[in-house]
Amino acid sequence: MSLSEIKTRIAKACADAGRAEGSVTLIAVSKVQPNERVAAVLEQGHRVFGENRVQEAAGKWPDFRKSYDGIELHLIGPLQTNKARQAMELFQVIHSVDRPKVAQTIARLAQEMGHCPDIFLQINTGEEPQKAGVMPAEADAFVAEARALDLPVQGLMCIPPVDEEPSLHFALLAKIAERNGLSGLSMGMSGDFESAIALGATHIRVGSAIFGERAYG
């Protein structure tokens, strides 16, 4: 699979769903990918990337930014409060605000730093005990709290359970977002982004289908 093939599939999924081309942002998930693979995607003109860990991003992206203009970085992995300041300096969008304490920390730092990345709130749609995010029943209150903190909440994010039909979780996330007047939906990965687009995804997170299998080690 290549970047151009993924973009073709996104365009087709948008057309099939009666959505405008360009209504979906493709986040190329570059975590644990070797720098030469990332550079190859940058060379093709792509500028929106996702990282899971603040530390890894800090070691990689400042150098790329010296060579390529217009890079937009999205944090899609869990954020520890002690890494929040560094994350806010590095990332333009944080998708994984998963509990009130993180929201409060970001709000406090935003006041101090004078800027704040766009925010997505993570909802644990599968109610999985090991997974981050607030429970669906607490989602409305969490949105209200984040807005009261004056955070720039753009939308919601979810990671469906691996053994369940993802479209059920995408539909649930879309419903919660709609009733809270939020347009952003960060959902869908390499294996299921077409169904996410059909259900309203505005941001999809695709890694291995663009870069090849991850090189752990």
N, C-alpha and C. Protein backbone atom coordinates (compact mmCIF):
# COMPACT_ATOMS: atom_id res chain seq x y z
N MET A 1 0.86 -1.19 0.00
CA MET A 1 0.00 0.00 0.00
C MET A 1 0.89 1.24 0.00
N SER A 2 0.43 2.30 -0.61
CA SER A 2 1.22 3.52 -0.65
C SER A 2 0.35 4.70 -0.24
N LEU A 3 0.99 5.84 -0.05
CA LEU A 3 0.26 7.05 0.31
C LEU A 3 -0.80 7.38 -0.74
N SER A 4 -0.42 7.29 -2.01
CA SER A 4 -1.38 7.65 -3.07
C SER A 4 -2.56 6.68 -3.10
N GLU A 5 -2.30 5.40 -2.84
CA GLU A 5 -3.40 4.42 -2.80
C GLU A 5 -4.36 4.71 -1.64
N ILE A 6 -3.79 5.06 -0.49
CA ILE A 6 -4.64 5.41 0.67
C ILE A 6 -5.49 6.64 0.34
N LYS A 7 -4.88 7.63 -0.29
CA LYS A 7 -5.62 8.85 -0.64
C LYS A 7 -6.74 8.55 -1.64
N THR A 8 -6.49 7.63 -2.56
CA THR A 8 -7.52 7.22 -3.52
C THR A 8 -8.68 6.56 -2.79
N ARG A 9 -8.35 5.68 -1.82
CA ARG A 9 -9.40 5.00 -1.05
C ARG A 9 -10.20 5.99 -0.20
N ILE A 10 -9.52 7.00 0.36
CA ILE A 10 -10.22 8.02 1.14
C ILE A 10 -11.20 8.79 0.24
N ALA A 11 -10.72 9.18 -0.94
CA ALA A 11 -11.56 9.94 -1.88
C ALA A 11 -12.79 9.12 -2.26
N LYS A 12 -12.60 7.81 -2.50
CA LYS A 12 -13.72 6.94 -2.86
C LYS A 12 -14.70 6.81 -1.69
N ALA A 13 -14.16 6.64 -0.48
CA ALA A 13 -15.03 6.51 0.70
C ALA A 13 -15.84 7.79 0.92
N CYS A 14 -15.20 8.94 0.70
CA CYS A 14 -15.93 10.22 0.82
C CYS A 14 -17.04 10.30 -0.23
N ALA A 15 -16.72 9.93 -1.47
CA ALA A 15 -17.72 9.98 -2.54
C ALA A 15 -18.89 9.04 -2.24
N ASP A 16 -18.55 7.83 -1.77
CA ASP A 16 -19.59 6.84 -1.44
C ASP A 16 -20.51 7.34 -0.32
N ALA A 17 -19.94 8.15 0.59
CA ALA A 17 -20.72 8.65 1.73
C ALA A 17 -21.38 9.99 1.42
N GLY A 18 -21.19 10.47 0.17
CA GLY A 18 -21.76 11.76 -0.21
C GLY A 18 -21.10 12.93 0.50
N ARG A 19 -19.82 12.75 0.81
CA ARG A 19 -19.08 13.80 1.52
C ARG A 19 -18.09 14.48 0.58
N ALA A 20 -17.79 15.73 0.89
CA ALA A 20 -16.85 16.49 0.04
C ALA A 20 -15.46 15.90 0.15
N GLU A 21 -14.76 15.87 -0.97
CA GLU A 21 -13.35 15.47 -0.94
C GLU A 21 -12.62 16.54 -0.14
N GLY A 22 -11.71 16.11 0.70
CA GLY A 22 -11.02 17.09 1.53
C GLY A 22 -11.67 17.28 2.90
N SER A 23 -12.78 16.57 3.15
CA SER A 23 -13.44 16.70 4.46
C SER A 23 -12.82 15.76 5.50
N VAL A 24 -11.86 14.95 5.06
CA VAL A 24 -11.17 14.01 5.96
C VAL A 24 -9.68 14.32 5.97
N THR A 25 -9.12 14.48 7.16
CA THR A 25 -7.68 14.69 7.31
C THR A 25 -7.00 13.36 7.55
N LEU A 26 -6.03 13.05 6.71
CA LEU A 26 -5.26 11.81 6.87
C LEU A 26 -4.06 12.09 7.76
N ILE A 27 -4.04 11.44 8.93
CA ILE A 27 -2.90 11.53 9.83
C ILE A 27 -2.02 10.31 9.58
N ALA A 28 -0.81 10.55 9.07
CA ALA A 28 0.14 9.46 8.83
C ALA A 28 0.84 9.15 10.15
N VAL A 29 0.56 7.98 10.70
CA VAL A 29 1.07 7.63 12.03
C VAL A 29 2.50 7.11 11.90
N SER A 30 3.44 7.96 12.34
CA SER A 30 4.86 7.69 12.10
C SER A 30 5.58 7.12 13.30
N LYS A 31 4.84 6.73 14.35
CA LYS A 31 5.50 6.20 15.56
C LYS A 31 6.35 4.98 15.20
N VAL A 32 7.49 4.91 15.83
CA VAL A 32 8.50 3.84 15.65
C VAL A 32 8.87 3.54 14.19
N GLN A 33 8.60 4.46 13.30
CA GLN A 33 9.03 4.27 11.91
C GLN A 33 10.43 4.89 11.75
N PRO A 34 11.29 4.22 10.97
CA PRO A 34 12.61 4.80 10.73
C PRO A 34 12.50 6.14 10.00
N ASN A 35 13.45 7.03 10.28
CA ASN A 35 13.39 8.39 9.71
C ASN A 35 13.34 8.40 8.19
N GLU A 36 13.99 7.43 7.55
CA GLU A 36 14.00 7.47 6.08
C GLU A 36 12.60 7.20 5.51
N ARG A 37 11.81 6.38 6.20
CA ARG A 37 10.43 6.14 5.74
C ARG A 37 9.59 7.41 5.91
N VAL A 38 9.79 8.10 7.04
CA VAL A 38 9.06 9.35 7.29
C VAL A 38 9.44 10.39 6.24
N ALA A 39 10.75 10.49 5.98
CA ALA A 39 11.24 11.46 4.98
C ALA A 39 10.64 11.17 3.60
N ALA A 40 10.50 9.89 3.27
CA ALA A 40 9.93 9.53 1.96
C ALA A 40 8.49 10.03 1.83
N VAL A 41 7.73 9.96 2.92
CA VAL A 41 6.34 10.45 2.89
C VAL A 41 6.31 11.98 2.85
N LEU A 42 7.21 12.62 3.58
CA LEU A 42 7.34 14.08 3.51
C LEU A 42 7.69 14.52 2.09
N GLU A 43 8.57 13.78 1.43
CA GLU A 43 8.98 14.11 0.06
C GLU A 43 7.80 14.05 -0.91
N GLN A 44 6.79 13.22 -0.58
CA GLN A 44 5.60 13.14 -1.44
C GLN A 44 4.62 14.27 -1.16
N GLY A 45 4.99 15.16 -0.23
CA GLY A 45 4.15 16.33 0.02
C GLY A 45 3.20 16.22 1.19
N HIS A 46 3.21 15.06 1.86
CA HIS A 46 2.28 14.92 3.01
C HIS A 46 2.86 15.67 4.21
N ARG A 47 1.99 16.31 4.98
CA ARG A 47 2.48 17.15 6.08
C ARG A 47 1.80 16.90 7.43
N VAL A 48 0.84 15.98 7.48
CA VAL A 48 0.10 15.75 8.73
C VAL A 48 0.50 14.38 9.29
N PHE A 49 1.10 14.40 10.48
CA PHE A 49 1.64 13.16 11.05
C PHE A 49 1.17 12.98 12.48
N GLY A 50 1.11 11.72 12.90
CA GLY A 50 0.71 11.39 14.26
C GLY A 50 1.80 10.63 14.99
N GLU A 51 1.99 10.97 16.25
CA GLU A 51 2.95 10.27 17.11
C GLU A 51 2.24 9.84 18.39
N ASN A 52 2.71 8.73 18.95
CA ASN A 52 2.12 8.20 20.18
C ASN A 52 2.80 8.72 21.44
N ARG A 53 4.11 9.01 21.30
CA ARG A 53 4.86 9.36 22.50
C ARG A 53 5.56 10.70 22.32
N VAL A 54 5.44 11.53 23.34
CA VAL A 54 6.02 12.87 23.30
C VAL A 54 7.53 12.79 23.11
N GLN A 55 8.16 11.89 23.85
CA GLN A 55 9.62 11.78 23.81
C GLN A 55 10.12 11.40 22.42
N GLU A 56 9.46 10.43 21.82
CA GLU A 56 9.87 10.01 20.47
C GLU A 56 9.70 11.16 19.47
N ALA A 57 8.59 11.87 19.59
CA ALA A 57 8.34 13.00 18.68
C ALA A 57 9.40 14.08 18.86
N ALA A 58 9.79 14.32 20.11
CA ALA A 58 10.78 15.37 20.41
C ALA A 58 12.14 15.04 19.80
N GLY A 59 12.42 13.75 19.67
CA GLY A 59 13.70 13.34 19.10
C GLY A 59 13.71 13.34 17.58
N LYS A 60 12.56 13.49 16.96
CA LYS A 60 12.43 13.30 15.52
C LYS A 60 12.04 14.57 14.77
N TRP A 61 11.03 15.27 15.28
CA TRP A 61 10.37 16.29 14.46
C TRP A 61 11.04 17.66 14.40
N PRO A 62 11.75 18.11 15.43
CA PRO A 62 12.43 19.40 15.28
C PRO A 62 13.38 19.43 14.08
N ASP A 63 14.08 18.32 13.83
CA ASP A 63 14.98 18.26 12.66
C ASP A 63 14.20 18.27 11.36
N PHE A 64 13.12 17.48 11.29
CA PHE A 64 12.31 17.47 10.06
C PHE A 64 11.73 18.86 9.77
N ARG A 65 11.36 19.56 10.84
CA ARG A 65 10.78 20.89 10.64
C ARG A 65 11.78 21.89 10.05
N LYS A 66 13.07 21.63 10.27
CA LYS A 66 14.09 22.51 9.66
C LYS A 66 14.13 22.33 8.15
N SER A 67 13.76 21.14 7.68
CA SER A 67 13.86 20.82 6.25
C SER A 67 12.54 20.93 5.49
N TYR A 68 11.42 20.80 6.22
CA TYR A 68 10.11 20.78 5.54
C TYR A 68 9.17 21.78 6.22
N ASP A 69 8.56 22.62 5.41
CA ASP A 69 7.61 23.61 5.94
C ASP A 69 6.23 23.01 6.14
N GLY A 70 5.48 23.60 7.07
CA GLY A 70 4.05 23.29 7.18
C GLY A 70 3.70 21.97 7.81
N ILE A 71 4.62 21.39 8.60
CA ILE A 71 4.31 20.12 9.26
C ILE A 71 3.30 20.36 10.38
N GLU A 72 2.28 19.48 10.42
CA GLU A 72 1.26 19.54 11.47
C GLU A 72 1.33 18.23 12.25
N LEU A 73 1.66 18.34 13.53
CA LEU A 73 1.83 17.13 14.35
C LEU A 73 0.64 16.91 15.26
N HIS A 74 0.20 15.65 15.31
CA HIS A 74 -0.94 15.26 16.15
C HIS A 74 -0.47 14.23 17.16
N LEU A 75 -0.74 14.48 18.44
CA LEU A 75 -0.45 13.48 19.48
C LEU A 75 -1.66 12.57 19.60
N ILE A 76 -1.44 11.27 19.33
CA ILE A 76 -2.57 10.34 19.35
C ILE A 76 -2.43 9.29 20.45
N GLY A 77 -1.31 9.32 21.17
CA GLY A 77 -1.11 8.39 22.28
C GLY A 77 -1.38 9.06 23.61
N PRO A 78 -1.38 8.28 24.68
CA PRO A 78 -1.71 8.82 26.00
C PRO A 78 -0.74 9.92 26.43
N LEU A 79 -1.27 10.91 27.12
CA LEU A 79 -0.46 12.05 27.57
C LEU A 79 -0.40 12.05 29.10
N GLN A 80 0.83 11.96 29.60
CA GLN A 80 1.02 12.09 31.05
C GLN A 80 1.12 13.58 31.38
N THR A 81 0.59 13.96 32.53
CA THR A 81 0.57 15.39 32.86
C THR A 81 1.98 15.98 32.92
N ASN A 82 2.97 15.19 33.31
CA ASN A 82 4.33 15.75 33.40
C ASN A 82 4.97 15.98 32.03
N LYS A 83 4.31 15.48 30.97
CA LYS A 83 4.81 15.70 29.61
C LYS A 83 3.95 16.75 28.87
N ALA A 84 2.98 17.33 29.57
CA ALA A 84 2.01 18.20 28.89
C ALA A 84 2.66 19.44 28.29
N ARG A 85 3.58 20.07 29.03
CA ARG A 85 4.21 21.28 28.51
C ARG A 85 4.98 20.98 27.22
N GLN A 86 5.76 19.91 27.25
CA GLN A 86 6.54 19.54 26.07
C GLN A 86 5.60 19.21 24.89
N ALA A 87 4.51 18.53 25.20
CA ALA A 87 3.53 18.19 24.15
C ALA A 87 2.94 19.44 23.53
N MET A 88 2.65 20.44 24.36
CA MET A 88 2.03 21.67 23.85
C MET A 88 3.01 22.50 23.02
N GLU A 89 4.29 22.29 23.23
CA GLU A 89 5.29 22.98 22.42
C GLU A 89 5.49 22.29 21.07
N LEU A 90 5.27 20.97 21.05
CA LEU A 90 5.57 20.17 19.85
C LEU A 90 4.38 19.99 18.92
N PHE A 91 3.20 19.79 19.50
CA PHE A 91 2.03 19.32 18.73
C PHE A 91 1.04 20.45 18.46
N GLN A 92 0.42 20.39 17.28
CA GLN A 92 -0.63 21.33 16.94
C GLN A 92 -2.00 20.82 17.39
N VAL A 93 -2.12 19.50 17.52
CA VAL A 93 -3.40 18.89 17.92
C VAL A 93 -3.10 17.76 18.90
N ILE A 94 -3.89 17.69 19.98
CA ILE A 94 -3.79 16.58 20.93
C ILE A 94 -5.12 15.83 20.92
N HIS A 95 -5.06 14.55 20.52
CA HIS A 95 -6.28 13.75 20.36
C HIS A 95 -6.64 12.95 21.61
N SER A 96 -5.72 12.91 22.57
CA SER A 96 -5.85 11.93 23.64
C SER A 96 -6.03 12.57 25.01
N VAL A 97 -6.84 13.63 25.08
CA VAL A 97 -7.19 14.20 26.38
C VAL A 97 -8.25 13.27 26.98
N ASP A 98 -7.80 12.45 27.92
CA ASP A 98 -8.59 11.28 28.30
C ASP A 98 -9.15 11.33 29.72
N ARG A 99 -8.87 12.43 30.46
CA ARG A 99 -9.39 12.53 31.82
C ARG A 99 -9.32 13.99 32.27
N PRO A 100 -10.15 14.36 33.24
CA PRO A 100 -10.20 15.76 33.67
C PRO A 100 -8.84 16.32 34.10
N LYS A 101 -8.02 15.50 34.76
CA LYS A 101 -6.72 16.01 35.26
C LYS A 101 -5.86 16.50 34.10
N VAL A 102 -5.87 15.78 32.98
CA VAL A 102 -5.08 16.19 31.81
C VAL A 102 -5.65 17.49 31.23
N ALA A 103 -6.96 17.57 31.16
CA ALA A 103 -7.61 18.78 30.64
C ALA A 103 -7.26 19.99 31.51
N GLN A 104 -7.28 19.80 32.82
CA GLN A 104 -6.97 20.90 33.74
C GLN A 104 -5.51 21.34 33.60
N THR A 105 -4.61 20.38 33.44
CA THR A 105 -3.18 20.70 33.28
C THR A 105 -2.95 21.49 31.99
N ILE A 106 -3.57 21.05 30.89
CA ILE A 106 -3.42 21.75 29.62
C ILE A 106 -3.97 23.16 29.73
N ALA A 107 -5.12 23.31 30.38
CA ALA A 107 -5.74 24.64 30.52
C ALA A 107 -4.83 25.58 31.31
N ARG A 108 -4.23 25.06 32.37
CA ARG A 108 -3.34 25.89 33.20
C ARG A 108 -2.11 26.31 32.38
N LEU A 109 -1.53 25.37 31.66
CA LEU A 109 -0.35 25.68 30.84
C LEU A 109 -0.69 26.62 29.69
N ALA A 110 -1.89 26.48 29.15
CA ALA A 110 -2.30 27.35 28.03
C ALA A 110 -2.35 28.81 28.49
N GLN A 111 -2.83 29.03 29.70
CA GLN A 111 -2.86 30.38 30.26
C GLN A 111 -1.44 30.93 30.39
N GLU A 112 -0.56 30.07 30.84
CA GLU A 112 0.83 30.46 31.08
C GLU A 112 1.61 30.69 29.77
N MET A 113 1.36 29.80 28.79
CA MET A 113 2.14 29.83 27.55
C MET A 113 1.52 30.75 26.49
N GLY A 114 0.24 31.06 26.66
CA GLY A 114 -0.41 31.95 25.71
C GLY A 114 -0.86 31.29 24.43
N HIS A 115 -0.83 29.96 24.38
CA HIS A 115 -1.36 29.24 23.21
C HIS A 115 -1.78 27.85 23.64
N CYS A 116 -2.60 27.22 22.81
CA CYS A 116 -3.06 25.86 23.13
C CYS A 116 -3.30 25.09 21.85
N PRO A 117 -2.83 23.85 21.77
CA PRO A 117 -3.17 23.02 20.61
C PRO A 117 -4.68 22.77 20.54
N ASP A 118 -5.17 22.43 19.37
CA ASP A 118 -6.55 21.97 19.27
C ASP A 118 -6.69 20.67 20.06
N ILE A 119 -7.86 20.46 20.61
CA ILE A 119 -8.07 19.35 21.55
C ILE A 119 -9.19 18.42 21.05
N PHE A 120 -8.91 17.11 21.14
CA PHE A 120 -9.95 16.08 21.01
C PHE A 120 -10.03 15.35 22.34
N LEU A 121 -11.22 15.05 22.78
CA LEU A 121 -11.42 14.32 24.03
C LEU A 121 -11.60 12.84 23.73
N GLN A 122 -10.86 12.01 24.45
CA GLN A 122 -10.91 10.57 24.17
C GLN A 122 -12.02 9.90 24.96
N ILE A 123 -12.88 9.19 24.23
CA ILE A 123 -14.01 8.48 24.83
C ILE A 123 -13.74 6.97 24.73
N ASN A 124 -13.88 6.28 25.84
CA ASN A 124 -13.66 4.83 25.89
C ASN A 124 -14.97 4.14 25.51
N THR A 125 -15.25 4.12 24.20
CA THR A 125 -16.56 3.65 23.73
C THR A 125 -16.81 2.18 24.08
N GLY A 126 -15.75 1.40 24.20
CA GLY A 126 -15.92 -0.01 24.53
C GLY A 126 -15.94 -0.28 26.02
N GLU A 127 -15.81 0.79 26.82
CA GLU A 127 -15.78 0.68 28.28
C GLU A 127 -14.79 -0.38 28.74
N GLU A 128 -13.61 -0.36 28.12
CA GLU A 128 -12.57 -1.35 28.45
C GLU A 128 -11.73 -0.83 29.62
N PRO A 129 -11.60 -1.66 30.67
CA PRO A 129 -10.90 -1.18 31.86
C PRO A 129 -9.44 -0.82 31.61
N GLN A 130 -8.80 -1.47 30.64
CA GLN A 130 -7.37 -1.20 30.40
C GLN A 130 -7.14 -0.02 29.47
N LYS A 131 -8.21 0.53 28.93
CA LYS A 131 -8.05 1.57 27.90
C LYS A 131 -8.35 2.96 28.45
N ALA A 132 -7.63 3.96 27.91
CA ALA A 132 -7.82 5.35 28.34
C ALA A 132 -9.13 5.90 27.79
N GLY A 133 -9.53 7.03 28.35
CA GLY A 133 -10.74 7.71 27.88
C GLY A 133 -11.84 7.68 28.92
N VAL A 134 -12.74 8.67 28.84
CA VAL A 134 -13.87 8.66 29.78
C VAL A 134 -14.96 7.73 29.24
N MET A 135 -15.77 7.23 30.14
CA MET A 135 -16.87 6.35 29.74
C MET A 135 -17.93 7.16 28.98
N PRO A 136 -18.64 6.52 28.05
CA PRO A 136 -19.67 7.23 27.29
C PRO A 136 -20.67 7.98 28.18
N ALA A 137 -21.02 7.40 29.32
CA ALA A 137 -22.00 8.04 30.21
C ALA A 137 -21.45 9.34 30.80
N GLU A 138 -20.12 9.47 30.84
CA GLU A 138 -19.50 10.68 31.42
C GLU A 138 -19.07 11.68 30.34
N ALA A 139 -19.32 11.34 29.09
CA ALA A 139 -18.78 12.14 27.99
C ALA A 139 -19.34 13.57 27.97
N ASP A 140 -20.65 13.71 28.16
CA ASP A 140 -21.25 15.05 28.09
C ASP A 140 -20.68 15.97 29.17
N ALA A 141 -20.53 15.42 30.37
CA ALA A 141 -19.98 16.21 31.48
C ALA A 141 -18.52 16.59 31.21
N PHE A 142 -17.78 15.68 30.59
CA PHE A 142 -16.37 15.94 30.28
C PHE A 142 -16.24 17.05 29.23
N VAL A 143 -17.10 16.99 28.23
CA VAL A 143 -17.10 18.06 27.20
C VAL A 143 -17.40 19.40 27.86
N ALA A 144 -18.40 19.42 28.72
CA ALA A 144 -18.79 20.67 29.40
C ALA A 144 -17.64 21.20 30.26
N GLU A 145 -16.95 20.28 30.95
CA GLU A 145 -15.84 20.69 31.81
C GLU A 145 -14.69 21.27 30.98
N ALA A 146 -14.36 20.59 29.87
CA ALA A 146 -13.26 21.06 29.01
C ALA A 146 -13.58 22.43 28.42
N ARG A 147 -14.84 22.62 28.04
CA ARG A 147 -15.25 23.93 27.49
C ARG A 147 -15.20 25.01 28.57
N ALA A 148 -15.58 24.64 29.79
CA ALA A 148 -15.54 25.60 30.89
C ALA A 148 -14.10 26.03 31.20
N LEU A 149 -13.15 25.15 30.89
CA LEU A 149 -11.73 25.47 31.07
C LEU A 149 -11.19 26.30 29.91
N ASP A 150 -12.07 26.62 28.96
CA ASP A 150 -11.71 27.43 27.80
C ASP A 150 -10.75 26.71 26.85
N LEU A 151 -10.83 25.39 26.83
CA LEU A 151 -9.99 24.62 25.91
C LEU A 151 -10.62 24.63 24.51
N PRO A 152 -9.79 24.66 23.46
CA PRO A 152 -10.32 24.64 22.09
C PRO A 152 -10.70 23.21 21.67
N VAL A 153 -11.85 22.75 22.19
CA VAL A 153 -12.29 21.37 21.93
C VAL A 153 -12.86 21.30 20.51
N GLN A 154 -12.19 20.52 19.66
CA GLN A 154 -12.62 20.37 18.26
C GLN A 154 -13.51 19.16 18.05
N GLY A 155 -13.34 18.16 18.92
CA GLY A 155 -14.12 16.94 18.70
C GLY A 155 -13.75 15.84 19.67
N LEU A 156 -14.11 14.61 19.28
CA LEU A 156 -13.92 13.43 20.12
C LEU A 156 -13.08 12.40 19.38
N MET A 157 -12.44 11.53 20.16
CA MET A 157 -11.61 10.46 19.60
C MET A 157 -11.96 9.14 20.28
N CYS A 158 -11.88 8.04 19.50
CA CYS A 158 -12.03 6.72 20.13
C CYS A 158 -11.13 5.71 19.44
N ILE A 159 -10.84 4.63 20.19
CA ILE A 159 -10.13 3.47 19.65
C ILE A 159 -11.01 2.26 19.99
N PRO A 160 -11.75 1.73 19.01
CA PRO A 160 -12.67 0.62 19.31
C PRO A 160 -11.93 -0.63 19.80
N PRO A 161 -12.62 -1.48 20.57
CA PRO A 161 -12.03 -2.76 20.97
C PRO A 161 -11.67 -3.58 19.73
N VAL A 162 -10.56 -4.32 19.82
CA VAL A 162 -10.09 -5.05 18.63
C VAL A 162 -11.05 -6.15 18.20
N ASP A 163 -11.82 -6.69 19.14
CA ASP A 163 -12.66 -7.85 18.80
C ASP A 163 -14.13 -7.49 18.60
N GLU A 164 -14.41 -6.20 18.39
CA GLU A 164 -15.80 -5.80 18.16
C GLU A 164 -15.92 -5.06 16.84
N GLU A 165 -17.12 -5.03 16.29
CA GLU A 165 -17.38 -4.33 15.04
C GLU A 165 -17.12 -2.83 15.25
N PRO A 166 -16.10 -2.26 14.57
CA PRO A 166 -15.75 -0.87 14.86
C PRO A 166 -16.85 0.13 14.53
N SER A 167 -17.68 -0.17 13.53
CA SER A 167 -18.68 0.81 13.11
C SER A 167 -19.68 1.13 14.23
N LEU A 168 -19.92 0.16 15.13
CA LEU A 168 -20.82 0.43 16.27
C LEU A 168 -20.22 1.51 17.17
N HIS A 169 -18.91 1.48 17.31
CA HIS A 169 -18.22 2.46 18.17
C HIS A 169 -18.12 3.81 17.45
N PHE A 170 -17.91 3.77 16.14
CA PHE A 170 -17.87 5.03 15.38
C PHE A 170 -19.23 5.73 15.45
N ALA A 171 -20.30 4.93 15.34
CA ALA A 171 -21.65 5.50 15.39
C ALA A 171 -21.94 6.11 16.76
N LEU A 172 -21.50 5.42 17.81
CA LEU A 172 -21.69 5.93 19.18
C LEU A 172 -20.94 7.25 19.37
N LEU A 173 -19.68 7.29 18.90
CA LEU A 173 -18.88 8.52 19.04
C LEU A 173 -19.54 9.68 18.29
N ALA A 174 -20.02 9.39 17.09
CA ALA A 174 -20.67 10.43 16.27
C ALA A 174 -21.91 10.98 16.97
N LYS A 175 -22.65 10.09 17.62
CA LYS A 175 -23.87 10.49 18.32
C LYS A 175 -23.53 11.41 19.51
N ILE A 176 -22.50 11.04 20.27
CA ILE A 176 -22.09 11.86 21.43
C ILE A 176 -21.61 13.23 20.93
N ALA A 177 -20.83 13.23 19.86
CA ALA A 177 -20.31 14.50 19.32
C ALA A 177 -21.46 15.40 18.85
N GLU A 178 -22.41 14.79 18.15
CA GLU A 178 -23.52 15.58 17.59
C GLU A 178 -24.34 16.26 18.68
N ARG A 179 -24.64 15.51 19.73
CA ARG A 179 -25.48 16.12 20.77
C ARG A 179 -24.72 17.18 21.58
N ASN A 180 -23.37 17.19 21.45
CA ASN A 180 -22.57 18.22 22.12
C ASN A 180 -22.11 19.31 21.16
N GLY A 181 -22.63 19.28 19.93
CA GLY A 181 -22.29 20.32 18.97
C GLY A 181 -20.84 20.31 18.52
N LEU A 182 -20.25 19.12 18.48
CA LEU A 182 -18.84 18.99 18.06
C LEU A 182 -18.76 18.38 16.67
N SER A 183 -17.94 18.96 15.81
CA SER A 183 -17.88 18.46 14.43
C SER A 183 -16.72 17.49 14.21
N GLY A 184 -15.71 17.53 15.06
CA GLY A 184 -14.52 16.70 14.83
C GLY A 184 -14.68 15.28 15.34
N LEU A 185 -14.33 14.31 14.50
CA LEU A 185 -14.38 12.90 14.89
C LEU A 185 -13.06 12.24 14.48
N SER A 186 -12.23 11.94 15.46
CA SER A 186 -10.96 11.27 15.22
C SER A 186 -11.16 9.78 15.43
N MET A 187 -11.36 9.07 14.32
CA MET A 187 -11.67 7.64 14.42
C MET A 187 -11.37 6.97 13.09
N GLY A 188 -10.99 5.70 13.17
CA GLY A 188 -10.65 4.95 11.97
C GLY A 188 -9.15 4.83 11.81
N MET A 189 -8.71 3.58 11.56
CA MET A 189 -7.29 3.29 11.36
C MET A 189 -7.13 2.48 10.07
N SER A 190 -5.93 1.93 9.88
CA SER A 190 -5.63 1.27 8.60
C SER A 190 -6.71 0.27 8.17
N GLY A 191 -7.22 -0.52 9.11
CA GLY A 191 -8.13 -1.60 8.73
C GLY A 191 -9.59 -1.22 8.62
N ASP A 192 -9.96 -0.02 9.10
CA ASP A 192 -11.40 0.27 9.16
C ASP A 192 -11.76 1.71 8.80
N PHE A 193 -10.83 2.42 8.14
CA PHE A 193 -11.10 3.86 7.96
C PHE A 193 -12.25 4.15 7.00
N GLU A 194 -12.53 3.22 6.06
CA GLU A 194 -13.67 3.47 5.16
C GLU A 194 -14.99 3.53 5.94
N SER A 195 -15.16 2.60 6.88
CA SER A 195 -16.42 2.62 7.64
C SER A 195 -16.45 3.84 8.58
N ALA A 196 -15.27 4.28 9.05
CA ALA A 196 -15.22 5.49 9.88
C ALA A 196 -15.65 6.71 9.07
N ILE A 197 -15.18 6.79 7.83
CA ILE A 197 -15.55 7.91 6.95
C ILE A 197 -17.05 7.90 6.67
N ALA A 198 -17.60 6.70 6.45
CA ALA A 198 -19.04 6.58 6.20
C ALA A 198 -19.85 7.11 7.38
N LEU A 199 -19.25 7.03 8.59
CA LEU A 199 -19.97 7.45 9.80
C LEU A 199 -19.53 8.83 10.28
N GLY A 200 -18.77 9.55 9.43
CA GLY A 200 -18.51 10.96 9.74
C GLY A 200 -17.12 11.32 10.21
N ALA A 201 -16.16 10.38 10.17
CA ALA A 201 -14.80 10.70 10.63
C ALA A 201 -14.25 11.93 9.91
N THR A 202 -13.63 12.82 10.68
CA THR A 202 -12.95 13.98 10.08
C THR A 202 -11.44 13.78 10.09
N HIS A 203 -10.95 12.91 10.97
CA HIS A 203 -9.52 12.61 11.07
C HIS A 203 -9.36 11.10 11.18
N ILE A 204 -8.57 10.53 10.27
CA ILE A 204 -8.29 9.09 10.36
C ILE A 204 -6.79 8.91 10.58
N ARG A 205 -6.44 7.82 11.29
CA ARG A 205 -5.07 7.61 11.73
C ARG A 205 -4.54 6.35 11.05
N VAL A 206 -3.69 6.52 10.06
CA VAL A 206 -3.22 5.39 9.26
C VAL A 206 -1.69 5.31 9.34
N GLY A 207 -1.20 4.15 9.78
CA GLY A 207 0.24 3.99 9.93
C GLY A 207 0.84 2.97 8.99
N SER A 208 0.67 1.69 9.35
CA SER A 208 1.36 0.62 8.62
C SER A 208 0.95 0.56 7.15
N ALA A 209 -0.29 0.95 6.83
CA ALA A 209 -0.72 0.91 5.42
C ALA A 209 0.03 1.92 4.56
N ILE A 210 0.60 2.97 5.19
CA ILE A 210 1.39 3.96 4.46
C ILE A 210 2.87 3.62 4.52
N PHE A 211 3.35 3.29 5.74
CA PHE A 211 4.78 3.16 5.95
C PHE A 211 5.31 1.73 5.82
N GLY A 212 4.40 0.75 5.84
CA GLY A 212 4.87 -0.63 5.96
C GLY A 212 4.83 -1.02 7.44
N GLU A 213 5.07 -2.28 7.72
CA GLU A 213 4.99 -2.75 9.10
C GLU A 213 6.01 -2.04 9.98
N ARG A 214 5.64 -1.82 11.22
CA ARG A 214 6.53 -1.08 12.12
C ARG A 214 7.77 -1.88 12.47
N ALA A 215 8.85 -1.15 12.60
CA ALA A 215 10.13 -1.78 12.90
C ALA A 215 10.42 -1.64 14.39
N TYR A 216 9.82 -2.51 15.21
CA TYR A 216 10.12 -2.45 16.64
C TYR A 216 11.51 -3.04 16.86
N GLY A 217 12.16 -2.55 17.90
CA GLY A 217 13.46 -3.16 18.19
C GLY A 217 14.40 -2.14 18.74
